[in-house]
Amino acid sequence: MSGYNRRMEIQSKTVAYGIYNEPIDTWATIASVWCGVVTTGGGEFYAAQKLKASTQAIFKIRYGNVVNVTNRIKYNNKYFEILSINDVDEAHNEIQIAAKEVI
């Protein structure tokens, strides 16, 4: 990757409890990192009787950043579910994260 010229946030989920002891999922940013982004396509689907679009992307970041598949990515005010994480060539230089947009 020639450059990491975009910013993304890695977020971790925590569970808080409301006044009726109901679980409430909240997300907190654990890291803000430079990345490269390649959109790999998308598609359309129906949800709640409306046609919606989804986007898939590969995020490339430097090795050593804390990220796992239970995290999510915030990029350009959009949220992405992490599908897989790959240490490129097991060289410990770059991590590729396959993700899909959460609608």
PDB file of N, CA and C in Angstrom:
ATOM      1  N   MET A   1       0.858  -1.182   0.000  1.00  0.00           N
ATOM      2  CA  MET A   1       0.000   0.000   0.000  1.00  0.00           C
ATOM      3  C   MET A   1       0.890   1.226   0.000  1.00  0.00           C
ATOM      4  N   SER A   2       0.642   2.097  -0.938  1.00  0.00           N
ATOM      5  CA  SER A   2       1.503   3.258  -1.070  1.00  0.00           C
ATOM      6  C   SER A   2       1.223   4.330  -0.032  1.00  0.00           C
ATOM      7  N   GLY A   3      -0.013   4.389   0.500  1.00  0.00           N
ATOM      8  CA  GLY A   3      -0.261   5.425   1.476  1.00  0.00           C
ATOM      9  C   GLY A   3      -1.471   5.166   2.339  1.00  0.00           C
ATOM     10  N   TYR A   4      -1.361   5.609   3.535  1.00  0.00           N
ATOM     11  CA  TYR A   4      -2.482   5.573   4.454  1.00  0.00           C
ATOM     12  C   TYR A   4      -2.961   7.019   4.561  1.00  0.00           C
ATOM     13  N   ASN A   5      -3.927   7.387   3.743  1.00  0.00           N
ATOM     14  CA  ASN A   5      -4.297   8.788   3.632  1.00  0.00           C
ATOM     15  C   ASN A   5      -5.716   9.092   4.097  1.00  0.00           C
ATOM     16  N   ARG A   6      -6.338   8.177   4.812  1.00  0.00           N
ATOM     17  CA  ARG A   6      -7.681   8.374   5.343  1.00  0.00           C
ATOM     18  C   ARG A   6      -7.662   8.037   6.841  1.00  0.00           C
ATOM     19  N   ARG A   7      -8.642   8.596   7.563  1.00  0.00           N
ATOM     20  CA  ARG A   7      -8.757   8.294   8.994  1.00  0.00           C
ATOM     21  C   ARG A   7      -9.974   7.421   9.235  1.00  0.00           C
ATOM     22  N   MET A   8      -9.808   6.464  10.116  1.00  0.00           N
ATOM     23  CA  MET A   8     -10.924   5.639  10.557  1.00  0.00           C
ATOM     24  C   MET A   8     -10.824   5.443  12.054  1.00  0.00           C
ATOM     25  N   GLU A   9     -11.944   5.087  12.651  1.00  0.00           N
ATOM     26  CA  GLU A   9     -11.972   4.796  14.074  1.00  0.00           C
ATOM     27  C   GLU A   9     -12.286   3.321  14.272  1.00  0.00           C
ATOM     28  N   ILE A  10     -11.587   2.710  15.196  1.00  0.00           N
ATOM     29  CA  ILE A  10     -11.888   1.344  15.603  1.00  0.00           C
ATOM     30  C   ILE A  10     -12.693   1.461  16.889  1.00  0.00           C
ATOM     31  N   GLN A  11     -13.870   0.836  16.893  1.00  0.00           N
ATOM     32  CA  GLN A  11     -14.760   0.946  18.044  1.00  0.00           C
ATOM     33  C   GLN A  11     -15.015  -0.412  18.673  1.00  0.00           C
ATOM     34  N   SER A  12     -15.190  -0.400  19.986  1.00  0.00           N
ATOM     35  CA  SER A  12     -15.447  -1.613  20.756  1.00  0.00           C
ATOM     36  C   SER A  12     -16.815  -1.493  21.421  1.00  0.00           C
ATOM     37  N   LYS A  13     -17.553  -2.606  21.451  1.00  0.00           N
ATOM     38  CA  LYS A  13     -18.892  -2.598  22.042  1.00  0.00           C
ATOM     39  C   LYS A  13     -18.825  -2.889  23.530  1.00  0.00           C
ATOM     40  N   THR A  14     -19.612  -2.148  24.264  1.00  0.00           N
ATOM     41  CA  THR A  14     -19.811  -2.426  25.679  1.00  0.00           C
ATOM     42  C   THR A  14     -21.313  -2.473  25.927  1.00  0.00           C
ATOM     43  N   VAL A  15     -21.702  -3.093  27.001  1.00  0.00           N
ATOM     44  CA  VAL A  15     -23.120  -3.192  27.340  1.00  0.00           C
ATOM     45  C   VAL A  15     -23.366  -2.395  28.612  1.00  0.00           C
ATOM     46  N   ALA A  16     -24.282  -1.459  28.512  1.00  0.00           N
ATOM     47  CA  ALA A  16     -24.722  -0.701  29.676  1.00  0.00           C
ATOM     48  C   ALA A  16     -26.149  -1.166  29.994  1.00  0.00           C
ATOM     49  N   TYR A  17     -26.644  -0.796  31.144  1.00  0.00           N
ATOM     50  CA  TYR A  17     -27.993  -1.208  31.532  1.00  0.00           C
ATOM     51  C   TYR A  17     -28.829   0.012  31.851  1.00  0.00           C
ATOM     52  N   GLY A  18     -30.062   0.020  31.309  1.00  0.00           N
ATOM     53  CA  GLY A  18     -30.989   1.124  31.507  1.00  0.00           C
ATOM     54  C   GLY A  18     -31.659   1.066  32.863  1.00  0.00           C
ATOM     55  N   ILE A  19     -32.600   1.975  33.062  1.00  0.00           N
ATOM     56  CA  ILE A  19     -33.257   2.076  34.368  1.00  0.00           C
ATOM     57  C   ILE A  19     -34.129   0.865  34.675  1.00  0.00           C
ATOM     58  N   TYR A  20     -34.525   0.121  33.660  1.00  0.00           N
ATOM     59  CA  TYR A  20     -35.298  -1.106  33.879  1.00  0.00           C
ATOM     60  C   TYR A  20     -34.416  -2.342  33.745  1.00  0.00           C
ATOM     61  N   ASN A  21     -33.113  -2.150  33.866  1.00  0.00           N
ATOM     62  CA  ASN A  21     -32.108  -3.204  33.794  1.00  0.00           C
ATOM     63  C   ASN A  21     -32.059  -3.889  32.420  1.00  0.00           C
ATOM     64  N   GLU A  22     -32.516  -3.169  31.380  1.00  0.00           N
ATOM     65  CA  GLU A  22     -32.444  -3.705  30.022  1.00  0.00           C
ATOM     66  C   GLU A  22     -31.053  -3.416  29.452  1.00  0.00           C
ATOM     67  N   PRO A  23     -30.473  -4.388  28.742  1.00  0.00           N
ATOM     68  CA  PRO A  23     -29.139  -4.161  28.163  1.00  0.00           C
ATOM     69  C   PRO A  23     -29.202  -3.171  27.003  1.00  0.00           C
ATOM     70  N   ILE A  24     -28.247  -2.266  26.977  1.00  0.00           N
ATOM     71  CA  ILE A  24     -28.134  -1.263  25.915  1.00  0.00           C
ATOM     72  C   ILE A  24     -26.717  -1.336  25.370  1.00  0.00           C
ATOM     73  N   ASP A  25     -26.605  -1.673  24.081  1.00  0.00           N
ATOM     74  CA  ASP A  25     -25.290  -1.724  23.440  1.00  0.00           C
ATOM     75  C   ASP A  25     -24.794  -0.311  23.157  1.00  0.00           C
ATOM     76  N   THR A  26     -23.564  -0.043  23.557  1.00  0.00           N
ATOM     77  CA  THR A  26     -22.930   1.242  23.253  1.00  0.00           C
ATOM     78  C   THR A  26     -21.570   0.959  22.629  1.00  0.00           C
ATOM     79  N   TRP A  27     -21.094   1.884  21.821  1.00  0.00           N
ATOM     80  CA  TRP A  27     -19.804   1.730  21.144  1.00  0.00           C
ATOM     81  C   TRP A  27     -18.893   2.874  21.556  1.00  0.00           C
ATOM     82  N   ALA A  28     -17.641   2.535  21.833  1.00  0.00           N
ATOM     83  CA  ALA A  28     -16.644   3.536  22.217  1.00  0.00           C
ATOM     84  C   ALA A  28     -15.439   3.403  21.294  1.00  0.00           C
ATOM     85  N   THR A  29     -14.885   4.535  20.897  1.00  0.00           N
ATOM     86  CA  THR A  29     -13.699   4.533  20.040  1.00  0.00           C
ATOM     87  C   THR A  29     -12.490   4.140  20.876  1.00  0.00           C
ATOM     88  N   ILE A  30     -11.780   3.089  20.421  1.00  0.00           N
ATOM     89  CA  ILE A  30     -10.578   2.659  21.133  1.00  0.00           C
ATOM     90  C   ILE A  30      -9.307   3.086  20.407  1.00  0.00           C
ATOM     91  N   ALA A  31      -9.436   3.446  19.116  1.00  0.00           N
ATOM     92  CA  ALA A  31      -8.272   3.917  18.354  1.00  0.00           C
ATOM     93  C   ALA A  31      -8.747   4.691  17.137  1.00  0.00           C
ATOM     94  N   SER A  32      -7.994   5.706  16.783  1.00  0.00           N
ATOM     95  CA  SER A  32      -8.197   6.442  15.541  1.00  0.00           C
ATOM     96  C   SER A  32      -6.902   6.285  14.754  1.00  0.00           C
ATOM     97  N   VAL A  33      -6.989   5.666  13.569  1.00  0.00           N
ATOM     98  CA  VAL A  33      -5.780   5.295  12.835  1.00  0.00           C
ATOM     99  C   VAL A  33      -5.858   5.753  11.381  1.00  0.00           C
ATOM    100  N   TRP A  34      -4.686   5.887  10.760  1.00  0.00           N
ATOM    101  CA  TRP A  34      -4.600   6.160   9.338  1.00  0.00           C
ATOM    102  C   TRP A  34      -4.804   4.857   8.580  1.00  0.00           C
ATOM    103  N   CYS A  35      -5.485   4.950   7.446  1.00  0.00           N
ATOM    104  CA  CYS A  35      -5.774   3.747   6.679  1.00  0.00           C
ATOM    105  C   CYS A  35      -5.836   4.053   5.189  1.00  0.00           C
ATOM    106  N   GLY A  36      -5.805   3.002   4.410  1.00  0.00           N
ATOM    107  CA  GLY A  36      -6.122   3.054   2.994  1.00  0.00           C
ATOM    108  C   GLY A  36      -7.408   2.276   2.808  1.00  0.00           C
ATOM    109  N   VAL A  37      -8.232   2.683   1.857  1.00  0.00           N
ATOM    110  CA  VAL A  37      -9.532   2.051   1.669  1.00  0.00           C
ATOM    111  C   VAL A  37      -9.717   1.669   0.211  1.00  0.00           C
ATOM    112  N   VAL A  38     -10.174   0.443  -0.006  1.00  0.00           N
ATOM    113  CA  VAL A  38     -10.540  -0.016  -1.336  1.00  0.00           C
ATOM    114  C   VAL A  38     -11.961  -0.551  -1.237  1.00  0.00           C
ATOM    115  N   THR A  39     -12.905   0.076  -1.956  1.00  0.00           N
ATOM    116  CA  THR A  39     -14.259  -0.471  -1.961  1.00  0.00           C
ATOM    117  C   THR A  39     -14.284  -1.639  -2.934  1.00  0.00           C
ATOM    118  N   THR A  40     -14.886  -2.726  -2.505  1.00  0.00           N
ATOM    119  CA  THR A  40     -14.855  -3.952  -3.301  1.00  0.00           C
ATOM    120  C   THR A  40     -16.194  -4.272  -3.934  1.00  0.00           C
ATOM    121  N   GLY A  41     -17.143  -3.410  -3.767  1.00  0.00           N
ATOM    122  CA  GLY A  41     -18.450  -3.652  -4.370  1.00  0.00           C
ATOM    123  C   GLY A  41     -19.548  -3.437  -3.374  1.00  0.00           C
ATOM    124  N   GLY A  42     -20.692  -3.851  -3.769  1.00  0.00           N
ATOM    125  CA  GLY A  42     -21.846  -3.681  -2.910  1.00  0.00           C
ATOM    126  C   GLY A  42     -23.021  -4.407  -3.498  1.00  0.00           C
ATOM    127  N   GLY A  43     -24.165  -4.059  -3.004  1.00  0.00           N
ATOM    128  CA  GLY A  43     -25.372  -4.693  -3.493  1.00  0.00           C
ATOM    129  C   GLY A  43     -26.577  -3.987  -2.941  1.00  0.00           C
ATOM    130  N   GLU A  44     -27.728  -4.465  -3.348  1.00  0.00           N
ATOM    131  CA  GLU A  44     -28.976  -3.918  -2.871  1.00  0.00           C
ATOM    132  C   GLU A  44     -29.778  -5.031  -2.227  1.00  0.00           C
ATOM    133  N   PHE A  45     -30.574  -4.669  -1.244  1.00  0.00           N
ATOM    134  CA  PHE A  45     -31.418  -5.647  -0.576  1.00  0.00           C
ATOM    135  C   PHE A  45     -32.641  -4.935  -0.036  1.00  0.00           C
ATOM    136  N   TYR A  46     -33.661  -5.704   0.259  1.00  0.00           N
ATOM    137  CA  TYR A  46     -34.879  -5.152   0.834  1.00  0.00           C
ATOM    138  C   TYR A  46     -34.867  -5.360   2.339  1.00  0.00           C
ATOM    139  N   ALA A  47     -35.173  -4.290   3.054  1.00  0.00           N
ATOM    140  CA  ALA A  47     -35.314  -4.350   4.506  1.00  0.00           C
ATOM    141  C   ALA A  47     -36.431  -3.401   4.880  1.00  0.00           C
ATOM    142  N   ALA A  48     -37.342  -3.864   5.683  1.00  0.00           N
ATOM    143  CA  ALA A  48     -38.493  -3.069   6.104  1.00  0.00           C
ATOM    144  C   ALA A  48     -39.221  -2.499   4.891  1.00  0.00           C
ATOM    145  N   GLN A  49     -39.369  -3.313   3.870  1.00  0.00           N
ATOM    146  CA  GLN A  49     -40.074  -2.988   2.636  1.00  0.00           C
ATOM    147  C   GLN A  49     -39.478  -1.791   1.897  1.00  0.00           C
ATOM    148  N   LYS A  50     -38.176  -1.569   2.083  1.00  0.00           N
ATOM    149  CA  LYS A  50     -37.476  -0.499   1.371  1.00  0.00           C
ATOM    150  C   LYS A  50     -36.220  -1.070   0.747  1.00  0.00           C
ATOM    151  N   LEU A  51     -35.893  -0.593  -0.437  1.00  0.00           N
ATOM    152  CA  LEU A  51     -34.661  -1.003  -1.100  1.00  0.00           C
ATOM    153  C   LEU A  51     -33.502  -0.232  -0.495  1.00  0.00           C
ATOM    154  N   LYS A  52     -32.491  -0.958  -0.019  1.00  0.00           N
ATOM    155  CA  LYS A  52     -31.326  -0.334   0.600  1.00  0.00           C
ATOM    156  C   LYS A  52     -30.073  -0.847  -0.082  1.00  0.00           C
ATOM    157  N   ALA A  53     -29.019  -0.072   0.000  1.00  0.00           N
ATOM    158  CA  ALA A  53     -27.742  -0.459  -0.600  1.00  0.00           C
ATOM    159  C   ALA A  53     -26.736  -0.753   0.496  1.00  0.00           C
ATOM    160  N   SER A  54     -25.836  -1.677   0.213  1.00  0.00           N
ATOM    161  CA  SER A  54     -24.760  -1.965   1.152  1.00  0.00           C
ATOM    162  C   SER A  54     -23.433  -1.884   0.411  1.00  0.00           C
ATOM    163  N   THR A  55     -22.386  -1.585   1.147  1.00  0.00           N
ATOM    164  CA  THR A  55     -21.060  -1.435   0.575  1.00  0.00           C
ATOM    165  C   THR A  55     -20.099  -2.365   1.301  1.00  0.00           C
ATOM    166  N   GLN A  56     -19.184  -2.973   0.538  1.00  0.00           N
ATOM    167  CA  GLN A  56     -18.120  -3.757   1.135  1.00  0.00           C
ATOM    168  C   GLN A  56     -16.799  -3.063   0.843  1.00  0.00           C
ATOM    169  N   ALA A  57     -15.854  -3.179   1.776  1.00  0.00           N
ATOM    170  CA  ALA A  57     -14.582  -2.477   1.618  1.00  0.00           C
ATOM    171  C   ALA A  57     -13.462  -3.267   2.267  1.00  0.00           C
ATOM    172  N   ILE A  58     -12.247  -2.981   1.807  1.00  0.00           N
ATOM    173  CA  ILE A  58     -11.028  -3.486   2.443  1.00  0.00           C
ATOM    174  C   ILE A  58     -10.309  -2.275   3.037  1.00  0.00           C
ATOM    175  N   PHE A  59     -10.085  -2.313   4.335  1.00  0.00           N
ATOM    176  CA  PHE A  59      -9.331  -1.266   5.013  1.00  0.00           C
ATOM    177  C   PHE A  59      -7.927  -1.798   5.249  1.00  0.00           C
ATOM    178  N   LYS A  60      -6.924  -0.996   4.943  1.00  0.00           N
ATOM    179  CA  LYS A  60      -5.534  -1.403   5.143  1.00  0.00           C
ATOM    180  C   LYS A  60      -4.908  -0.477   6.173  1.00  0.00           C
ATOM    181  N   ILE A  61      -4.396  -1.076   7.237  1.00  0.00           N
ATOM    182  CA  ILE A  61      -3.770  -0.296   8.309  1.00  0.00           C
ATOM    183  C   ILE A  61      -2.418  -0.903   8.641  1.00  0.00           C
ATOM    184  N   ARG A  62      -1.620  -0.136   9.371  1.00  0.00           N
ATOM    185  CA  ARG A  62      -0.310  -0.640   9.785  1.00  0.00           C
ATOM    186  C   ARG A  62      -0.483  -1.758  10.808  1.00  0.00           C
ATOM    187  N   TYR A  63       0.413  -2.699  10.781  1.00  0.00           N
ATOM    188  CA  TYR A  63       0.399  -3.805  11.737  1.00  0.00           C
ATOM    189  C   TYR A  63       0.632  -3.263  13.143  1.00  0.00           C
ATOM    190  N   GLY A  64       0.024  -3.888  14.107  1.00  0.00           N
ATOM    191  CA  GLY A  64       0.236  -3.494  15.499  1.00  0.00           C
ATOM    192  C   GLY A  64      -0.949  -2.758  16.095  1.00  0.00           C
ATOM    193  N   ASN A  65      -1.861  -2.278  15.244  1.00  0.00           N
ATOM    194  CA  ASN A  65      -3.067  -1.641  15.765  1.00  0.00           C
ATOM    195  C   ASN A  65      -3.984  -2.714  16.347  1.00  0.00           C
ATOM    196  N   VAL A  66      -4.588  -2.403  17.464  1.00  0.00           N
ATOM    197  CA  VAL A  66      -5.445  -3.354  18.144  1.00  0.00           C
ATOM    198  C   VAL A  66      -6.796  -3.409  17.435  1.00  0.00           C
ATOM    199  N   VAL A  67      -7.094  -4.541  16.827  1.00  0.00           N
ATOM    200  CA  VAL A  67      -8.384  -4.721  16.161  1.00  0.00           C
ATOM    201  C   VAL A  67      -8.717  -6.205  16.136  1.00  0.00           C
ATOM    202  N   ASN A  68     -10.001  -6.514  16.337  1.00  0.00           N
ATOM    203  CA  ASN A  68     -10.458  -7.900  16.214  1.00  0.00           C
ATOM    204  C   ASN A  68     -11.862  -7.904  15.631  1.00  0.00           C
ATOM    205  N   VAL A  69     -12.373  -9.083  15.336  1.00  0.00           N
ATOM    206  CA  VAL A  69     -13.650  -9.168  14.629  1.00  0.00           C
ATOM    207  C   VAL A  69     -14.859  -8.762  15.472  1.00  0.00           C
ATOM    208  N   THR A  70     -14.681  -8.570  16.761  1.00  0.00           N
ATOM    209  CA  THR A  70     -15.789  -8.076  17.579  1.00  0.00           C
ATOM    210  C   THR A  70     -15.887  -6.556  17.543  1.00  0.00           C
ATOM    211  N   ASN A  71     -14.882  -5.892  16.995  1.00  0.00           N
ATOM    212  CA  ASN A  71     -14.899  -4.435  16.861  1.00  0.00           C
ATOM    213  C   ASN A  71     -15.708  -4.037  15.633  1.00  0.00           C
ATOM    214  N   ARG A  72     -15.887  -2.737  15.459  1.00  0.00           N
ATOM    215  CA  ARG A  72     -16.454  -2.214  14.229  1.00  0.00           C
ATOM    216  C   ARG A  72     -15.628  -1.012  13.802  1.00  0.00           C
ATOM    217  N   ILE A  73     -15.838  -0.580  12.571  1.00  0.00           N
ATOM    218  CA  ILE A  73     -15.094   0.543  12.010  1.00  0.00           C
ATOM    219  C   ILE A  73     -16.058   1.687  11.733  1.00  0.00           C
ATOM    220  N   LYS A  74     -15.651   2.887  12.118  1.00  0.00           N
ATOM    221  CA  LYS A  74     -16.382   4.097  11.737  1.00  0.00           C
ATOM    222  C   LYS A  74     -15.516   4.819  10.716  1.00  0.00           C
ATOM    223  N   TYR A  75     -16.074   5.021   9.525  1.00  0.00           N
ATOM    224  CA  TYR A  75     -15.336   5.663   8.439  1.00  0.00           C
ATOM    225  C   TYR A  75     -16.302   6.547   7.661  1.00  0.00           C
ATOM    226  N   ASN A  76     -15.986   7.824   7.532  1.00  0.00           N
ATOM    227  CA  ASN A  76     -16.846   8.789   6.820  1.00  0.00           C
ATOM    228  C   ASN A  76     -18.281   8.764   7.345  1.00  0.00           C
ATOM    229  N   ASN A  77     -18.443   8.743   8.653  1.00  0.00           N
ATOM    230  CA  ASN A  77     -19.753   8.709   9.303  1.00  0.00           C
ATOM    231  C   ASN A  77     -20.595   7.504   8.900  1.00  0.00           C
ATOM    232  N   LYS A  78     -19.943   6.432   8.483  1.00  0.00           N
ATOM    233  CA  LYS A  78     -20.593   5.164   8.203  1.00  0.00           C
ATOM    234  C   LYS A  78     -19.966   4.118   9.114  1.00  0.00           C
ATOM    235  N   TYR A  79     -20.714   3.076   9.400  1.00  0.00           N
ATOM    236  CA  TYR A  79     -20.236   2.025  10.282  1.00  0.00           C
ATOM    237  C   TYR A  79     -20.094   0.726   9.506  1.00  0.00           C
ATOM    238  N   PHE A  80     -19.009   0.001   9.771  1.00  0.00           N
ATOM    239  CA  PHE A  80     -18.702  -1.227   9.049  1.00  0.00           C
ATOM    240  C   PHE A  80     -18.491  -2.367  10.038  1.00  0.00           C
ATOM    241  N   GLU A  81     -19.129  -3.489   9.752  1.00  0.00           N
ATOM    242  CA  GLU A  81     -18.932  -4.718  10.509  1.00  0.00           C
ATOM    243  C   GLU A  81     -17.691  -5.412   9.966  1.00  0.00           C
ATOM    244  N   ILE A  82     -16.796  -5.839  10.843  1.00  0.00           N
ATOM    245  CA  ILE A  82     -15.569  -6.514  10.427  1.00  0.00           C
ATOM    246  C   ILE A  82     -15.883  -7.973  10.120  1.00  0.00           C
ATOM    247  N   LEU A  83     -15.529  -8.395   8.901  1.00  0.00           N
ATOM    248  CA  LEU A  83     -15.768  -9.772   8.475  1.00  0.00           C
ATOM    249  C   LEU A  83     -14.534 -10.636   8.679  1.00  0.00           C
ATOM    250  N   SER A  84     -13.351 -10.090   8.362  1.00  0.00           N
ATOM    251  CA  SER A  84     -12.109 -10.853   8.545  1.00  0.00           C
ATOM    252  C   SER A  84     -10.934  -9.893   8.676  1.00  0.00           C
ATOM    253  N   ILE A  85      -9.868 -10.412   9.282  1.00  0.00           N
ATOM    254  CA  ILE A  85      -8.635  -9.641   9.470  1.00  0.00           C
ATOM    255  C   ILE A  85      -7.485 -10.498   8.971  1.00  0.00           C
ATOM    256  N   ASN A  86      -6.608  -9.900   8.156  1.00  0.00           N
ATOM    257  CA  ASN A  86      -5.524 -10.652   7.545  1.00  0.00           C
ATOM    258  C   ASN A  86      -4.197  -9.910   7.712  1.00  0.00           C
ATOM    259  N   ASP A  87      -3.221 -10.574   8.310  1.00  0.00           N
ATOM    260  CA  ASP A  87      -1.842 -10.074   8.370  1.00  0.00           C
ATOM    261  C   ASP A  87      -1.218 -10.399   7.007  1.00  0.00           C
ATOM    262  N   VAL A  88      -1.039  -9.393   6.167  1.00  0.00           N
ATOM    263  CA  VAL A  88      -0.609  -9.595   4.785  1.00  0.00           C
ATOM    264  C   VAL A  88       0.728 -10.324   4.734  1.00  0.00           C
ATOM    265  N   ASP A  89       0.744 -11.476   4.075  1.00  0.00           N
ATOM    266  CA  ASP A  89       1.928 -12.325   3.910  1.00  0.00           C
ATOM    267  C   ASP A  89       2.582 -12.702   5.244  1.00  0.00           C
ATOM    268  N   GLU A  90       1.844 -12.548   6.344  1.00  0.00           N
ATOM    269  CA  GLU A  90       2.366 -12.796   7.693  1.00  0.00           C
ATOM    270  C   GLU A  90       3.686 -12.069   7.936  1.00  0.00           C
ATOM    271  N   ALA A  91       3.797 -10.889   7.316  1.00  0.00           N
ATOM    272  CA  ALA A  91       5.028 -10.099   7.406  1.00  0.00           C
ATOM    273  C   ALA A  91       4.992  -9.089   8.549  1.00  0.00           C
ATOM    274  N   HIS A  92       3.869  -8.954   9.228  1.00  0.00           N
ATOM    275  CA  HIS A  92       3.711  -8.016  10.338  1.00  0.00           C
ATOM    276  C   HIS A  92       3.988  -6.566   9.921  1.00  0.00           C
ATOM    277  N   ASN A  93       3.588  -6.217   8.685  1.00  0.00           N
ATOM    278  CA  ASN A  93       3.721  -4.839   8.212  1.00  0.00           C
ATOM    279  C   ASN A  93       2.373  -4.168   8.017  1.00  0.00           C
ATOM    280  N   GLU A  94       1.417  -4.926   7.512  1.00  0.00           N
ATOM    281  CA  GLU A  94       0.119  -4.357   7.157  1.00  0.00           C
ATOM    282  C   GLU A  94      -0.993  -5.351   7.477  1.00  0.00           C
ATOM    283  N   ILE A  95      -2.119  -4.813   7.920  1.00  0.00           N
ATOM    284  CA  ILE A  95      -3.305  -5.615   8.188  1.00  0.00           C
ATOM    285  C   ILE A  95      -4.382  -5.206   7.192  1.00  0.00           C
ATOM    286  N   GLN A  96      -5.027  -6.189   6.581  1.00  0.00           N
ATOM    287  CA  GLN A  96      -6.173  -5.934   5.718  1.00  0.00           C
ATOM    288  C   GLN A  96      -7.427  -6.377   6.452  1.00  0.00           C
ATOM    289  N   ILE A  97      -8.400  -5.493   6.492  1.00  0.00           N
ATOM    290  CA  ILE A  97      -9.657  -5.768   7.187  1.00  0.00           C
ATOM    291  C   ILE A  97     -10.780  -5.759   6.156  1.00  0.00           C
ATOM    292  N   ALA A  98     -11.413  -6.894   5.975  1.00  0.00           N
ATOM    293  CA  ALA A  98     -12.594  -6.968   5.107  1.00  0.00           C
ATOM    294  C   ALA A  98     -13.801  -6.609   5.952  1.00  0.00           C
ATOM    295  N   ALA A  99     -14.631  -5.706   5.418  1.00  0.00           N
ATOM    296  CA  ALA A  99     -15.772  -5.229   6.192  1.00  0.00           C
ATOM    297  C   ALA A  99     -16.952  -4.922   5.284  1.00  0.00           C
ATOM    298  N   LYS A 100     -18.149  -4.924   5.893  1.00  0.00           N
ATOM    299  CA  LYS A 100     -19.335  -4.512   5.150  1.00  0.00           C
ATOM    300  C   LYS A 100     -20.059  -3.454   5.952  1.00  0.00           C
ATOM    301  N   GLU A 101     -20.673  -2.530   5.221  1.00  0.00           N
ATOM    302  CA  GLU A 101     -21.365  -1.420   5.862  1.00  0.00           C
ATOM    303  C   GLU A 101     -22.580  -1.920   6.612  1.00  0.00           C
ATOM    304  N   VAL A 102     -22.797  -1.369   7.791  1.00  0.00           N
ATOM    305  CA  VAL A 102     -23.962  -1.682   8.609  1.00  0.00           C
ATOM    306  C   VAL A 102     -25.025  -0.635   8.300  1.00  0.00           C
ATOM    307  N   ILE A 103     -26.171  -1.100   7.863  1.00  0.00           N
ATOM    308  CA  ILE A 103     -27.253  -0.185   7.490  1.00  0.00           C
ATOM    309  C   ILE A 103     -28.199  -0.026   8.677  1.00  0.00           C
TER     310      ILE A 103
END
